[in-house]
């Protein structure tokens, strides 16, 4: 099996282009999944039900879990920005959060 450099943007004429495109789409999907996971932590609280008061008692929030999930998504976006995923989102004309994170993580030309 041939391997590809996932940190390289393959042009259409290069060997490995199709594998790089496949990896790019998979990386975008991983990023979208990570963002959904992160959003699942938004606005959550930790607590318990007090039987005497018959109400929820809040001990804290899940902001640390949210931040951890966001940093994980940022790492995936940085990986995507160095490979073919960047070209894919540009070609698709996307402007959703995943696309913007990939563009923001793209290395500056120069």
Protein backbone atom coordinates (compact mmCIF):
# COMPACT_ATOMS: atom_id res chain seq x y z
CA UNK A 1 0.00 0.00 0.00
CA UNK A 2 1.27 3.44 -0.90
CA UNK A 3 1.30 6.07 1.80
CA UNK A 4 0.81 9.79 1.40
CA UNK A 5 2.25 12.75 3.24
CA UNK A 6 -0.83 14.12 5.00
CA UNK A 7 0.94 17.44 5.60
CA UNK A 8 1.40 18.10 1.87
CA UNK A 9 -1.08 19.62 -0.58
CA UNK A 10 -1.18 17.33 -3.59
CA UNK A 11 -1.91 18.75 -7.04
CA UNK A 12 -4.16 16.86 -9.45
CA UNK A 13 -1.19 15.58 -11.49
CA UNK A 14 0.73 14.19 -8.49
CA UNK A 15 0.76 10.54 -7.51
CA UNK A 16 -1.26 10.18 -4.34
CA UNK A 17 -3.76 12.93 -5.22
CA UNK A 18 -6.86 10.73 -4.87
CA UNK A 19 -5.67 9.32 -1.55
CA UNK A 20 -4.91 12.86 -0.35
CA UNK A 21 -8.40 14.00 -1.38
CA UNK A 22 -9.94 11.07 0.48
CA UNK A 23 -7.88 11.92 3.55
CA UNK A 24 -8.93 15.58 3.22
CA UNK A 25 -12.63 14.69 3.22
CA UNK A 26 -12.09 12.38 6.21
CA UNK A 27 -10.25 15.14 8.10
CA UNK A 28 -13.08 17.60 7.43
CA UNK A 29 -15.56 15.01 8.74
CA UNK A 30 -13.43 14.47 11.87
CA UNK A 31 -13.40 18.24 12.45
CA UNK A 32 -17.18 18.49 12.04
CA UNK A 33 -17.61 15.60 14.50
CA UNK A 34 -15.25 17.28 17.00
CA UNK A 35 -17.22 20.54 16.74
CA UNK A 36 -20.48 18.69 17.41
CA UNK A 37 -18.85 17.04 20.42
CA UNK A 38 -17.63 20.43 21.64
CA UNK A 39 -21.07 21.97 21.20
CA UNK A 40 -22.51 19.18 23.32
CA UNK A 41 -20.61 20.61 26.30
CA UNK A 42 -21.89 24.16 25.80
CA UNK A 43 -24.18 25.36 28.57
CA UNK A 44 -24.00 22.16 30.60
CA UNK A 45 -23.86 22.18 34.35
CA UNK A 46 -22.79 19.66 36.97
CA UNK A 47 -25.06 19.17 39.92
CA UNK A 48 -27.48 16.93 41.71
CA UNK A 49 -31.15 16.74 42.56
CA UNK A 50 -31.85 17.75 46.16
CA UNK A 51 -34.73 15.64 47.44
CA UNK A 52 -35.54 17.99 50.32
CA UNK A 53 -35.61 21.14 48.22
CA UNK A 54 -36.99 19.27 45.21
CA UNK A 55 -34.75 21.21 42.86
CA UNK A 56 -31.48 20.95 41.01
CA UNK A 57 -28.41 22.14 42.90
CA UNK A 58 -25.63 23.29 40.57
CA UNK A 59 -22.05 22.50 41.61
CA UNK A 60 -20.30 23.86 38.54
CA UNK A 61 -20.26 23.99 34.79
CA UNK A 62 -18.59 22.03 31.99
CA UNK A 63 -16.45 24.89 30.67
CA UNK A 64 -13.23 22.88 31.10
CA UNK A 65 -14.68 20.03 29.03
CA UNK A 66 -15.82 22.57 26.41
CA UNK A 67 -12.34 24.14 26.24
CA UNK A 68 -10.66 20.74 25.96
CA UNK A 69 -13.01 19.76 23.10
CA UNK A 70 -12.39 23.12 21.38
CA UNK A 71 -8.61 22.72 21.54
CA UNK A 72 -8.98 19.20 20.10
CA UNK A 73 -11.01 20.66 17.20
CA UNK A 74 -8.35 23.34 16.66
CA UNK A 75 -5.66 20.64 16.35
CA UNK A 76 -7.72 18.83 13.72
CA UNK A 77 -8.22 22.14 11.85
CA UNK A 78 -4.46 22.74 11.88
CA UNK A 79 -3.92 19.27 10.42
CA UNK A 80 -6.58 19.93 7.77
CA UNK A 81 -5.02 23.28 6.84
CA UNK A 82 -1.73 21.65 5.87
CA UNK A 83 -3.29 19.03 3.59
CA UNK A 84 -5.83 18.80 0.80
CA UNK A 85 -8.77 19.59 3.09
CA UNK A 86 -8.04 23.32 2.71
CA UNK A 87 -8.42 23.12 -1.07
CA UNK A 88 -11.60 21.08 -0.69
CA UNK A 89 -13.36 23.65 1.49
CA UNK A 90 -12.25 26.48 -0.81
CA UNK A 91 -13.51 24.60 -3.90
CA UNK A 92 -16.82 23.95 -2.13
CA UNK A 93 -17.15 27.64 -1.26
CA UNK A 94 -17.86 26.80 2.36
CA UNK A 95 -18.14 29.45 5.05
CA UNK A 96 -19.28 27.35 8.01
CA UNK A 97 -17.37 27.11 11.29
CA UNK A 98 -15.29 24.09 10.22
CA UNK A 99 -14.21 25.83 7.02
CA UNK A 100 -13.35 29.06 8.84
CA UNK A 101 -11.29 27.16 11.42
CA UNK A 102 -9.32 25.45 8.64
CA UNK A 103 -8.69 28.76 6.86
CA UNK A 104 -7.67 30.44 10.12
CA UNK A 105 -5.19 27.63 10.84
CA UNK A 106 -3.66 27.80 7.35
CA UNK A 107 0.01 28.74 7.30
CA UNK A 108 0.66 32.15 5.79
CA UNK A 109 2.22 32.11 2.34
CA UNK A 110 5.63 33.55 2.29
